[in-house]
Protein backbone atom coordinates (compact mmCIF):
# COMPACT_ATOMS: atom_id res chain seq x y z
CA MET A 1 -0.04 0.02 -0.01
CA SER A 2 1.27 3.58 -0.61
CA ALA A 3 -0.02 6.96 0.10
CA SER A 4 1.10 10.64 -0.80
CA TYR A 5 1.19 13.67 1.07
CA PRO A 6 2.21 17.36 0.41
CA ILE A 7 5.03 18.18 2.66
CA ALA A 8 2.94 21.01 4.40
CA ASP A 9 0.27 18.43 5.15
CA ALA A 10 2.76 15.69 6.31
CA ARG A 11 4.36 18.07 8.94
CA GLY A 12 1.53 17.78 11.32
CA ARG A 13 1.26 14.09 10.75
CA LEU A 14 4.74 13.10 10.94
CA GLY A 15 4.44 10.66 13.90
CA GLU A 16 1.58 8.76 12.14
CA LEU A 17 3.18 8.73 8.76
CA VAL A 18 6.56 7.46 10.38
CA ARG A 19 4.56 4.69 12.13
CA ARG A 20 2.84 3.72 8.84
CA ALA A 21 6.07 3.51 7.09
CA ALA A 22 7.33 1.30 9.83
CA GLN A 23 4.55 -1.09 8.95
CA ARG A 24 6.05 -1.28 5.31
CA GLU A 25 3.61 1.25 3.80
CA HIS A 26 5.27 3.54 1.39
CA ILE A 27 4.58 7.16 2.03
CA THR A 28 5.63 9.76 -0.66
CA LEU A 29 6.20 13.35 0.18
CA THR A 30 5.46 15.78 -2.58
CA ASP A 31 6.42 19.59 -2.90
CA GLN A 32 4.17 21.46 -5.32
CA GLY A 33 2.88 18.12 -6.58
CA ALA A 34 6.20 16.50 -7.44
CA PRO A 35 7.33 13.44 -5.17
CA VAL A 36 10.50 14.62 -3.36
CA ALA A 37 11.05 11.89 -0.78
CA VAL A 38 9.65 8.44 0.12
CA LEU A 39 9.28 7.15 3.83
CA VAL A 40 10.20 3.34 4.06
CA SER A 41 11.02 1.26 7.06
CA PRO A 42 14.78 0.69 7.80
CA ALA A 43 14.16 -3.08 7.16
CA GLU A 44 12.82 -2.58 3.86
CA LEU A 45 15.55 0.00 2.97
CA ALA A 46 18.11 -2.46 4.02
CA GLY A 47 16.49 -5.40 1.90
CA LEU A 48 16.50 -2.92 -1.15
CA ARG A 49 20.17 -2.10 -0.56
CA ASP A 50 21.06 -5.68 -0.52
CA ALA A 51 19.04 -6.46 -3.55
CA LEU A 52 20.67 -3.60 -5.29
CA ALA A 53 24.07 -4.87 -4.29
CA VAL A 54 23.40 -8.27 -5.50
CA ALA A 55 21.98 -6.98 -8.89
CA CYS A 56 25.09 -4.93 -9.43
CA LEU A 57 27.45 -7.87 -8.45
CA GLU A 58 25.68 -9.99 -11.09
CA ARG A 59 26.03 -7.11 -13.66
CA ASP A 60 29.58 -6.62 -12.97
CA ARG A 61 30.30 -10.69 -13.12
CA ALA A 62 28.67 -10.63 -16.34
CA LEU A 63 30.57 -7.74 -17.94
CA ASN A 64 33.85 -8.87 -16.45
CA PRO A 65 34.04 -12.35 -14.79
CA ALA A 66 37.72 -12.07 -14.17
CA ALA A 67 37.44 -8.90 -12.05
CA ALA A 68 34.26 -9.80 -9.87
CA VAL A 69 34.56 -9.74 -6.12
CA PRO A 70 32.61 -12.19 -4.08
CA PHE A 71 29.59 -10.62 -2.56
CA GLU A 72 30.60 -11.08 1.08
CA THR A 73 33.91 -9.31 0.28
CA GLY A 74 32.19 -6.36 -1.03
CA ARG A 75 29.72 -6.02 2.00
CA ALA A 76 32.38 -6.58 4.40
CA GLY A 77 34.43 -3.94 2.88
CA GLY A 78 31.70 -1.44 3.21
CA LYS A 79 31.56 -0.71 -0.53
CA GLU A 80 28.33 0.78 -2.08
CA PRO A 81 27.29 -0.88 -5.21
CA SER A 82 27.91 1.13 -8.30
CA VAL A 83 24.93 1.71 -10.40
CA ALA A 84 25.30 3.17 -13.97
CA MET A 85 22.02 4.37 -15.36
């Protein structure tokens, strides 16, 4: 489930919105109708980061198998995944 709120409206409801995000609801904050931020739970953010790291590792291995670094090494080294868009 997801919901969208203008920043001005979200200010007065921040506690409620944060609790909803903690329950894995995506809360989008808008400024003049444009999305500017999304509230998500820390657990979901960690899962998204892990999924991105795995996807980047798989991409890097496919592009250059000889230079690939094991996922555990990259995570232990504190490296952020590189994302080319």
